[in-house]
Amino acid sequence: MAVANTKSTGITNLDATPHVKNPLYLMGGVLREARGTVEIAIADCDESVYRLVRVHSSWLISEIKRFNDAITSGADFDVGLYQTAENGGAVKNINCFADAVSLTAGSVTGVSDMFETGADEGVEDLEKRVWEYAGDTVDPGKFYDLCYTGVTAGSGAGTLSVIVRYVANT
């Protein structure tokens, strides 16, 4: 086996001659957050969409932290991006952040729903911005809704809240 000396994008840029300036979304950006809360009703059926936070295509999301009541049988939720109502409201990438998230156990301390097993994207995609998660080839300069979609929405009611941490204005 060989000894590796591998560099991240940011370190590669800093070590380049001449130096390559790193984009702020990778190094030196300001971390911000947005929060959202929705109520899930007992009568909500599978394929219900819960729009929690509006995110801009240029942002880099660093964390999606979920807090929730225990939702009886709410065993399968996808976390992804939808168009805003202004842009038609259709799904853009239904599970780019998480797939098969269970809300059957409550969480008051928060659970990460970023790169959850089965998602379209994985930990290797940490440097991607929202437009890349959405599947766009260039940044369209618009907003998307970060949504939880109930594949198996369950038979109980409860609260679902998220905190989304991101770097903007890069």
N, C-alpha and C. Protein backbone atom coordinates (compact mmCIF):
# COMPACT_ATOMS: atom_id res chain seq x y z
N MET A 1 0.83 -1.17 0.00
CA MET A 1 0.00 0.00 0.00
C MET A 1 0.88 1.25 0.00
N ALA A 2 0.39 2.27 -0.64
CA ALA A 2 1.13 3.53 -0.72
C ALA A 2 0.62 4.53 0.32
N VAL A 3 1.50 5.39 0.77
CA VAL A 3 1.12 6.48 1.67
C VAL A 3 0.51 7.58 0.81
N ALA A 4 -0.68 8.03 1.17
CA ALA A 4 -1.37 9.06 0.39
C ALA A 4 -1.16 10.44 1.03
N ASN A 5 -1.17 11.45 0.20
CA ASN A 5 -1.13 12.85 0.64
C ASN A 5 -2.17 13.58 -0.19
N THR A 6 -3.42 13.42 0.19
CA THR A 6 -4.54 13.89 -0.60
C THR A 6 -5.06 15.21 -0.03
N LYS A 7 -5.44 16.13 -0.94
CA LYS A 7 -5.88 17.46 -0.53
C LYS A 7 -7.33 17.69 -0.94
N SER A 8 -8.05 18.44 -0.10
CA SER A 8 -9.40 18.87 -0.46
C SER A 8 -9.30 19.94 -1.53
N THR A 9 -10.43 20.32 -2.09
CA THR A 9 -10.48 21.39 -3.09
C THR A 9 -9.90 22.68 -2.53
N GLY A 10 -10.29 23.02 -1.30
CA GLY A 10 -9.82 24.26 -0.67
C GLY A 10 -8.31 24.29 -0.48
N ILE A 11 -7.74 23.19 0.00
CA ILE A 11 -6.29 23.12 0.22
C ILE A 11 -5.56 23.11 -1.12
N THR A 12 -6.08 22.41 -2.10
CA THR A 12 -5.47 22.40 -3.44
C THR A 12 -5.39 23.81 -3.99
N ASN A 13 -6.48 24.57 -3.84
CA ASN A 13 -6.49 25.96 -4.32
C ASN A 13 -5.45 26.81 -3.60
N LEU A 14 -5.35 26.65 -2.28
CA LEU A 14 -4.40 27.44 -1.50
C LEU A 14 -2.95 27.09 -1.81
N ASP A 15 -2.69 25.84 -2.16
CA ASP A 15 -1.34 25.40 -2.47
C ASP A 15 -0.94 25.65 -3.92
N ALA A 16 -1.89 26.04 -4.75
CA ALA A 16 -1.59 26.26 -6.17
C ALA A 16 -0.67 27.47 -6.36
N THR A 17 0.09 27.45 -7.46
CA THR A 17 0.94 28.58 -7.82
C THR A 17 0.53 29.04 -9.20
N PRO A 18 0.00 30.23 -9.33
CA PRO A 18 -0.35 31.16 -8.27
C PRO A 18 -1.56 30.64 -7.49
N HIS A 19 -1.75 31.22 -6.28
CA HIS A 19 -2.87 30.81 -5.43
C HIS A 19 -4.19 31.00 -6.16
N VAL A 20 -5.10 30.09 -5.93
CA VAL A 20 -6.45 30.19 -6.47
C VAL A 20 -7.36 30.56 -5.30
N LYS A 21 -8.10 31.65 -5.46
CA LYS A 21 -8.98 32.10 -4.38
C LYS A 21 -10.12 31.10 -4.20
N ASN A 22 -10.33 30.69 -2.97
CA ASN A 22 -11.44 29.78 -2.67
C ASN A 22 -12.75 30.54 -2.63
N PRO A 23 -13.82 29.95 -3.17
CA PRO A 23 -15.13 30.58 -3.02
C PRO A 23 -15.54 30.56 -1.56
N LEU A 24 -16.24 31.58 -1.12
CA LEU A 24 -16.64 31.69 0.29
C LEU A 24 -17.52 30.53 0.75
N TYR A 25 -18.22 29.89 -0.16
CA TYR A 25 -19.05 28.78 0.28
C TYR A 25 -18.21 27.60 0.74
N LEU A 26 -16.92 27.55 0.35
CA LEU A 26 -16.03 26.49 0.80
C LEU A 26 -15.21 26.88 2.02
N MET A 27 -14.72 28.12 2.03
CA MET A 27 -13.87 28.56 3.14
C MET A 27 -14.13 30.02 3.44
N GLY A 28 -14.48 30.32 4.68
CA GLY A 28 -14.62 31.70 5.10
C GLY A 28 -16.00 32.30 4.98
N GLY A 29 -16.99 31.51 4.57
CA GLY A 29 -18.35 32.03 4.47
C GLY A 29 -18.99 32.19 5.83
N VAL A 30 -20.06 32.96 5.88
CA VAL A 30 -20.80 33.19 7.12
C VAL A 30 -21.92 32.17 7.22
N LEU A 31 -21.95 31.43 8.33
CA LEU A 31 -22.97 30.42 8.56
C LEU A 31 -24.25 31.10 9.05
N ARG A 32 -25.36 30.77 8.44
CA ARG A 32 -26.68 31.31 8.80
C ARG A 32 -27.62 30.14 9.03
N GLU A 33 -28.82 30.45 9.48
CA GLU A 33 -29.79 29.38 9.63
C GLU A 33 -31.20 29.88 9.38
N ALA A 34 -32.04 28.93 8.99
CA ALA A 34 -33.47 29.16 8.79
C ALA A 34 -34.20 28.05 9.54
N ARG A 35 -35.39 28.38 10.03
CA ARG A 35 -36.16 27.42 10.81
C ARG A 35 -37.58 27.33 10.27
N GLY A 36 -38.17 26.16 10.42
CA GLY A 36 -39.54 25.97 10.02
C GLY A 36 -40.22 24.90 10.84
N THR A 37 -41.52 25.06 11.05
CA THR A 37 -42.32 24.11 11.81
C THR A 37 -43.64 23.88 11.10
N VAL A 38 -44.07 22.63 11.03
CA VAL A 38 -45.38 22.29 10.47
C VAL A 38 -46.05 21.30 11.41
N GLU A 39 -47.37 21.23 11.32
CA GLU A 39 -48.13 20.24 12.06
C GLU A 39 -48.58 19.15 11.09
N ILE A 40 -48.33 17.92 11.46
CA ILE A 40 -48.78 16.77 10.68
C ILE A 40 -50.07 16.28 11.33
N ALA A 41 -51.12 16.17 10.53
CA ALA A 41 -52.43 15.78 11.06
C ALA A 41 -52.65 14.27 10.90
N ILE A 42 -53.50 13.73 11.75
CA ILE A 42 -53.82 12.30 11.68
C ILE A 42 -54.38 11.94 10.30
N ALA A 43 -55.14 12.84 9.70
CA ALA A 43 -55.79 12.56 8.42
C ALA A 43 -54.87 12.73 7.21
N ASP A 44 -53.63 13.21 7.42
CA ASP A 44 -52.72 13.38 6.28
C ASP A 44 -52.37 12.02 5.69
N CYS A 45 -52.39 11.95 4.36
CA CYS A 45 -52.16 10.68 3.69
C CYS A 45 -50.75 10.61 3.11
N ASP A 46 -50.40 9.43 2.62
CA ASP A 46 -49.13 9.25 1.94
C ASP A 46 -49.03 10.25 0.79
N GLU A 47 -47.81 10.66 0.48
CA GLU A 47 -47.49 11.65 -0.55
C GLU A 47 -47.79 13.09 -0.12
N SER A 48 -48.16 13.29 1.15
CA SER A 48 -48.33 14.65 1.65
C SER A 48 -46.96 15.33 1.66
N VAL A 49 -46.94 16.62 1.35
CA VAL A 49 -45.69 17.39 1.27
C VAL A 49 -45.71 18.46 2.34
N TYR A 50 -44.63 18.53 3.12
CA TYR A 50 -44.49 19.49 4.20
C TYR A 50 -43.34 20.43 3.86
N ARG A 51 -43.69 21.66 3.49
CA ARG A 51 -42.72 22.66 3.07
C ARG A 51 -42.24 23.41 4.32
N LEU A 52 -40.94 23.30 4.61
CA LEU A 52 -40.42 23.81 5.88
C LEU A 52 -39.55 25.05 5.75
N VAL A 53 -38.66 25.09 4.80
CA VAL A 53 -37.72 26.20 4.68
C VAL A 53 -37.50 26.50 3.19
N ARG A 54 -37.45 27.77 2.87
CA ARG A 54 -37.12 28.19 1.49
C ARG A 54 -35.62 28.42 1.41
N VAL A 55 -34.98 27.80 0.42
CA VAL A 55 -33.53 27.88 0.26
C VAL A 55 -33.20 28.40 -1.14
N HIS A 56 -32.13 29.17 -1.24
CA HIS A 56 -31.73 29.72 -2.53
C HIS A 56 -30.77 28.76 -3.23
N SER A 57 -30.86 28.74 -4.54
CA SER A 57 -30.04 27.82 -5.33
C SER A 57 -28.54 28.03 -5.14
N SER A 58 -28.11 29.22 -4.76
CA SER A 58 -26.68 29.50 -4.61
C SER A 58 -26.13 29.10 -3.24
N TRP A 59 -27.00 28.76 -2.31
CA TRP A 59 -26.55 28.46 -0.95
C TRP A 59 -25.88 27.09 -0.88
N LEU A 60 -24.99 26.95 0.12
CA LEU A 60 -24.42 25.65 0.48
C LEU A 60 -25.04 25.26 1.81
N ILE A 61 -25.79 24.17 1.83
CA ILE A 61 -26.42 23.71 3.07
C ILE A 61 -25.42 22.86 3.83
N SER A 62 -25.19 23.21 5.08
CA SER A 62 -24.24 22.45 5.89
C SER A 62 -24.92 21.51 6.88
N GLU A 63 -26.20 21.77 7.18
CA GLU A 63 -26.89 20.89 8.13
C GLU A 63 -28.39 21.03 8.00
N ILE A 64 -29.07 19.89 8.08
CA ILE A 64 -30.53 19.84 8.20
C ILE A 64 -30.79 19.06 9.48
N LYS A 65 -31.25 19.76 10.51
CA LYS A 65 -31.47 19.13 11.81
C LYS A 65 -32.96 19.10 12.10
N ARG A 66 -33.47 17.89 12.34
CA ARG A 66 -34.91 17.67 12.54
C ARG A 66 -35.24 17.43 14.01
N PHE A 67 -36.36 18.03 14.41
CA PHE A 67 -36.95 17.81 15.73
C PHE A 67 -38.40 17.40 15.47
N ASN A 68 -38.90 16.40 16.17
CA ASN A 68 -40.27 15.97 15.89
C ASN A 68 -40.89 15.23 17.06
N ASP A 69 -42.24 15.27 17.09
CA ASP A 69 -43.00 14.40 17.98
C ASP A 69 -42.98 13.01 17.36
N ALA A 70 -43.26 12.00 18.16
CA ALA A 70 -43.40 10.64 17.63
C ALA A 70 -44.69 10.58 16.82
N ILE A 71 -44.56 10.27 15.53
CA ILE A 71 -45.70 10.17 14.62
C ILE A 71 -45.99 8.69 14.40
N THR A 72 -47.08 8.19 14.94
CA THR A 72 -47.41 6.78 14.84
C THR A 72 -47.41 6.33 13.38
N SER A 73 -46.67 5.29 13.08
CA SER A 73 -46.55 4.69 11.74
C SER A 73 -45.93 5.62 10.71
N GLY A 74 -45.41 6.78 11.11
CA GLY A 74 -44.77 7.71 10.17
C GLY A 74 -43.35 7.25 9.86
N ALA A 75 -43.26 6.13 9.15
CA ALA A 75 -41.99 5.41 9.03
C ALA A 75 -41.17 5.75 7.80
N ASP A 76 -41.68 6.57 6.89
CA ASP A 76 -40.94 6.78 5.64
C ASP A 76 -41.22 8.17 5.08
N PHE A 77 -40.26 9.07 5.27
CA PHE A 77 -40.32 10.43 4.72
C PHE A 77 -39.07 10.69 3.91
N ASP A 78 -39.23 11.34 2.77
CA ASP A 78 -38.10 11.77 1.95
C ASP A 78 -37.84 13.25 2.23
N VAL A 79 -36.58 13.66 2.13
CA VAL A 79 -36.21 15.06 2.34
C VAL A 79 -35.54 15.56 1.07
N GLY A 80 -36.17 16.53 0.43
CA GLY A 80 -35.64 17.02 -0.84
C GLY A 80 -36.13 18.40 -1.19
N LEU A 81 -36.07 18.70 -2.48
CA LEU A 81 -36.37 20.04 -2.98
C LEU A 81 -37.56 20.04 -3.91
N TYR A 82 -38.39 21.07 -3.76
CA TYR A 82 -39.54 21.31 -4.63
C TYR A 82 -39.44 22.74 -5.17
N GLN A 83 -40.05 22.96 -6.32
CA GLN A 83 -40.20 24.32 -6.83
C GLN A 83 -41.07 25.09 -5.84
N THR A 84 -40.92 26.40 -5.77
CA THR A 84 -41.80 27.22 -4.95
C THR A 84 -43.16 27.32 -5.63
N ALA A 85 -44.17 27.77 -4.90
CA ALA A 85 -45.51 27.94 -5.48
C ALA A 85 -45.45 28.87 -6.69
N GLU A 86 -44.63 29.90 -6.59
CA GLU A 86 -44.45 30.86 -7.69
C GLU A 86 -43.96 30.18 -8.97
N ASN A 87 -43.19 29.09 -8.81
CA ASN A 87 -42.65 28.36 -9.95
C ASN A 87 -43.38 27.06 -10.23
N GLY A 88 -44.60 26.93 -9.73
CA GLY A 88 -45.43 25.77 -10.03
C GLY A 88 -45.53 24.72 -8.93
N GLY A 89 -44.61 24.74 -7.97
CA GLY A 89 -44.70 23.86 -6.80
C GLY A 89 -44.33 22.40 -7.01
N ALA A 90 -43.89 22.02 -8.21
CA ALA A 90 -43.61 20.61 -8.50
C ALA A 90 -42.32 20.14 -7.82
N VAL A 91 -42.22 18.83 -7.67
CA VAL A 91 -41.01 18.24 -7.11
C VAL A 91 -39.82 18.49 -8.03
N LYS A 92 -38.68 18.79 -7.45
CA LYS A 92 -37.44 18.98 -8.20
C LYS A 92 -36.52 17.78 -7.99
N ASN A 93 -36.23 17.44 -6.73
CA ASN A 93 -35.48 16.23 -6.37
C ASN A 93 -35.99 15.79 -5.01
N ILE A 94 -36.83 14.78 -5.00
CA ILE A 94 -37.62 14.40 -3.82
C ILE A 94 -36.79 13.92 -2.63
N ASN A 95 -35.63 13.31 -2.88
CA ASN A 95 -34.87 12.73 -1.77
C ASN A 95 -33.37 13.01 -1.88
N CYS A 96 -33.02 14.20 -2.31
CA CYS A 96 -31.59 14.51 -2.47
C CYS A 96 -30.87 14.60 -1.13
N PHE A 97 -31.57 14.86 -0.04
CA PHE A 97 -30.93 14.96 1.27
C PHE A 97 -31.14 13.71 2.12
N ALA A 98 -32.31 13.11 2.06
CA ALA A 98 -32.57 11.92 2.87
C ALA A 98 -33.69 11.10 2.26
N ASP A 99 -33.66 9.81 2.52
CA ASP A 99 -34.64 8.87 2.02
C ASP A 99 -35.02 7.93 3.16
N ALA A 100 -36.30 7.67 3.31
CA ALA A 100 -36.80 6.73 4.31
C ALA A 100 -36.52 7.19 5.75
N VAL A 101 -36.69 8.48 6.02
CA VAL A 101 -36.55 9.00 7.38
C VAL A 101 -37.77 8.59 8.18
N SER A 102 -37.55 8.06 9.36
CA SER A 102 -38.66 7.65 10.23
C SER A 102 -38.94 8.71 11.27
N LEU A 103 -40.23 9.06 11.42
CA LEU A 103 -40.66 9.98 12.46
C LEU A 103 -41.40 9.25 13.57
N THR A 104 -41.27 7.93 13.62
CA THR A 104 -41.99 7.15 14.63
C THR A 104 -41.44 7.39 16.03
N ALA A 105 -40.18 7.74 16.14
CA ALA A 105 -39.59 8.10 17.44
C ALA A 105 -39.43 9.61 17.49
N GLY A 106 -39.84 10.21 18.57
CA GLY A 106 -39.70 11.65 18.72
C GLY A 106 -38.25 12.05 18.96
N SER A 107 -37.94 13.30 18.66
CA SER A 107 -36.60 13.83 18.91
C SER A 107 -36.70 15.27 19.40
N VAL A 108 -36.22 15.50 20.62
CA VAL A 108 -36.16 16.85 21.16
C VAL A 108 -34.73 17.40 21.13
N THR A 109 -33.77 16.54 20.81
CA THR A 109 -32.37 16.97 20.74
C THR A 109 -31.91 17.20 19.30
N GLY A 110 -32.68 16.73 18.34
CA GLY A 110 -32.36 16.94 16.93
C GLY A 110 -31.62 15.77 16.31
N VAL A 111 -32.00 15.47 15.07
CA VAL A 111 -31.41 14.39 14.29
C VAL A 111 -31.00 14.97 12.95
N SER A 112 -29.82 14.62 12.46
CA SER A 112 -29.36 15.10 11.16
C SER A 112 -30.05 14.34 10.04
N ASP A 113 -30.63 15.07 9.12
CA ASP A 113 -31.22 14.46 7.93
C ASP A 113 -30.44 14.84 6.67
N MET A 114 -29.16 15.08 6.83
CA MET A 114 -28.29 15.39 5.70
C MET A 114 -27.51 14.12 5.36
N PHE A 115 -27.56 13.70 4.13
CA PHE A 115 -26.84 12.52 3.64
C PHE A 115 -27.29 11.24 4.33
N GLU A 116 -28.55 11.16 4.66
CA GLU A 116 -29.10 9.97 5.29
C GLU A 116 -29.04 8.82 4.29
N THR A 117 -28.81 7.62 4.75
CA THR A 117 -28.67 6.45 3.89
C THR A 117 -29.82 6.35 2.90
N GLY A 118 -29.48 6.11 1.66
CA GLY A 118 -30.48 5.95 0.61
C GLY A 118 -30.77 7.23 -0.15
N ALA A 119 -30.23 8.36 0.31
CA ALA A 119 -30.46 9.63 -0.39
C ALA A 119 -29.76 9.62 -1.74
N ASP A 120 -30.22 10.48 -2.64
CA ASP A 120 -29.59 10.62 -3.94
C ASP A 120 -28.13 11.05 -3.82
N GLU A 121 -27.85 11.83 -2.79
CA GLU A 121 -26.51 12.38 -2.60
C GLU A 121 -25.88 11.77 -1.36
N GLY A 122 -24.55 11.81 -1.29
CA GLY A 122 -23.85 11.24 -0.15
C GLY A 122 -22.80 12.18 0.39
N VAL A 123 -22.03 11.70 1.36
CA VAL A 123 -21.03 12.54 2.02
C VAL A 123 -19.99 13.10 1.05
N GLU A 124 -19.80 12.44 -0.06
CA GLU A 124 -18.86 12.95 -1.06
C GLU A 124 -19.38 14.23 -1.73
N ASP A 125 -20.62 14.58 -1.49
CA ASP A 125 -21.24 15.74 -2.10
C ASP A 125 -21.30 16.94 -1.16
N LEU A 126 -20.50 16.93 -0.11
CA LEU A 126 -20.51 17.97 0.92
C LEU A 126 -20.29 19.38 0.39
N GLU A 127 -19.56 19.52 -0.72
CA GLU A 127 -19.25 20.84 -1.27
C GLU A 127 -20.29 21.34 -2.27
N LYS A 128 -21.33 20.56 -2.52
CA LYS A 128 -22.35 20.96 -3.48
C LYS A 128 -23.23 22.07 -2.95
N ARG A 129 -23.69 22.91 -3.87
CA ARG A 129 -24.67 23.93 -3.51
C ARG A 129 -26.07 23.45 -3.89
N VAL A 130 -27.06 24.17 -3.45
CA VAL A 130 -28.46 23.75 -3.63
C VAL A 130 -28.77 23.45 -5.09
N TRP A 131 -28.31 24.28 -6.03
CA TRP A 131 -28.62 24.05 -7.44
C TRP A 131 -28.09 22.70 -7.92
N GLU A 132 -26.98 22.26 -7.36
CA GLU A 132 -26.43 20.96 -7.76
C GLU A 132 -27.27 19.81 -7.18
N TYR A 133 -27.74 19.97 -5.94
CA TYR A 133 -28.64 18.96 -5.37
C TYR A 133 -29.94 18.90 -6.16
N ALA A 134 -30.39 20.04 -6.64
CA ALA A 134 -31.63 20.10 -7.42
C ALA A 134 -31.50 19.41 -8.77
N GLY A 135 -30.26 19.20 -9.21
CA GLY A 135 -30.04 18.57 -10.51
C GLY A 135 -29.88 19.56 -11.64
N ASP A 136 -29.73 20.85 -11.32
CA ASP A 136 -29.53 21.86 -12.36
C ASP A 136 -28.09 21.81 -12.86
N THR A 137 -27.86 22.20 -14.11
CA THR A 137 -26.50 22.20 -14.67
C THR A 137 -25.77 23.51 -14.41
N VAL A 138 -26.53 24.58 -14.15
CA VAL A 138 -25.98 25.87 -13.75
C VAL A 138 -26.90 26.45 -12.68
N ASP A 139 -26.39 27.42 -11.94
CA ASP A 139 -27.19 28.05 -10.89
C ASP A 139 -28.29 28.90 -11.54
N PRO A 140 -29.57 28.56 -11.34
CA PRO A 140 -30.65 29.34 -11.93
C PRO A 140 -30.97 30.62 -11.17
N GLY A 141 -30.35 30.82 -10.00
CA GLY A 141 -30.58 32.03 -9.22
C GLY A 141 -31.99 32.16 -8.70
N LYS A 142 -32.55 31.06 -8.19
CA LYS A 142 -33.92 31.10 -7.68
C LYS A 142 -34.04 30.29 -6.40
N PHE A 143 -35.20 30.37 -5.78
CA PHE A 143 -35.46 29.67 -4.54
C PHE A 143 -36.15 28.34 -4.79
N TYR A 144 -35.92 27.40 -3.86
CA TYR A 144 -36.61 26.11 -3.80
C TYR A 144 -37.15 25.96 -2.38
N ASP A 145 -38.14 25.08 -2.21
CA ASP A 145 -38.62 24.75 -0.89
C ASP A 145 -37.99 23.43 -0.46
N LEU A 146 -37.42 23.41 0.75
CA LEU A 146 -36.92 22.17 1.33
C LEU A 146 -38.12 21.50 1.99
N CYS A 147 -38.41 20.27 1.56
CA CYS A 147 -39.64 19.60 1.96
C CYS A 147 -39.40 18.20 2.49
N TYR A 148 -40.29 17.79 3.38
CA TYR A 148 -40.40 16.40 3.81
C TYR A 148 -41.64 15.85 3.11
N THR A 149 -41.50 14.74 2.40
CA THR A 149 -42.62 14.13 1.69
C THR A 149 -42.93 12.80 2.36
N GLY A 150 -44.17 12.62 2.76
CA GLY A 150 -44.58 11.39 3.44
C GLY A 150 -44.83 10.27 2.46
N VAL A 151 -43.90 9.32 2.40
CA VAL A 151 -44.12 8.11 1.61
C VAL A 151 -45.09 7.22 2.39
N THR A 152 -44.80 7.04 3.67
CA THR A 152 -45.72 6.41 4.62
C THR A 152 -45.91 7.43 5.74
N ALA A 153 -46.91 8.29 5.56
CA ALA A 153 -47.10 9.44 6.44
C ALA A 153 -47.52 9.07 7.85
N GLY A 154 -48.13 7.91 8.02
CA GLY A 154 -48.48 7.47 9.37
C GLY A 154 -49.92 7.68 9.73
N SER A 155 -50.22 7.36 10.99
CA SER A 155 -51.60 7.44 11.47
C SER A 155 -51.71 8.29 12.72
N GLY A 156 -50.68 9.09 12.99
CA GLY A 156 -50.70 9.94 14.17
C GLY A 156 -50.43 11.38 13.81
N ALA A 157 -50.70 12.26 14.75
CA ALA A 157 -50.46 13.68 14.55
C ALA A 157 -49.23 14.08 15.34
N GLY A 158 -48.63 15.19 14.94
CA GLY A 158 -47.50 15.70 15.69
C GLY A 158 -46.83 16.86 14.98
N THR A 159 -45.82 17.40 15.64
CA THR A 159 -45.09 18.55 15.13
C THR A 159 -43.78 18.10 14.50
N LEU A 160 -43.44 18.72 13.37
CA LEU A 160 -42.17 18.50 12.69
C LEU A 160 -41.50 19.86 12.53
N SER A 161 -40.30 20.00 13.06
CA SER A 161 -39.54 21.25 12.96
C SER A 161 -38.15 20.95 12.42
N VAL A 162 -37.59 21.91 11.69
CA VAL A 162 -36.21 21.76 11.21
C VAL A 162 -35.45 23.07 11.39
N ILE A 163 -34.15 22.92 11.57
CA ILE A 163 -33.21 24.03 11.49
C ILE A 163 -32.29 23.69 10.33
N VAL A 164 -32.19 24.59 9.37
CA VAL A 164 -31.30 24.41 8.22
C VAL A 164 -30.18 25.43 8.35
N ARG A 165 -28.95 24.94 8.41
CA ARG A 165 -27.78 25.82 8.46
C ARG A 165 -27.17 25.87 7.08
N TYR A 166 -26.79 27.10 6.65
CA TYR A 166 -26.31 27.26 5.28
C TYR A 166 -25.33 28.44 5.22
N VAL A 167 -24.58 28.47 4.13
CA VAL A 167 -23.71 29.60 3.82
C VAL A 167 -24.30 30.26 2.59
N ALA A 168 -24.52 31.58 2.67
CA ALA A 168 -25.13 32.34 1.58
C ALA A 168 -24.23 33.51 1.18
N ASN A 169 -24.65 34.22 0.14
CA ASN A 169 -23.96 35.41 -0.34
C ASN A 169 -22.49 35.13 -0.66
N THR A 170 -22.30 34.06 -1.41
CA THR A 170 -20.93 33.65 -1.71
C THR A 170 -20.58 34.08 -3.11
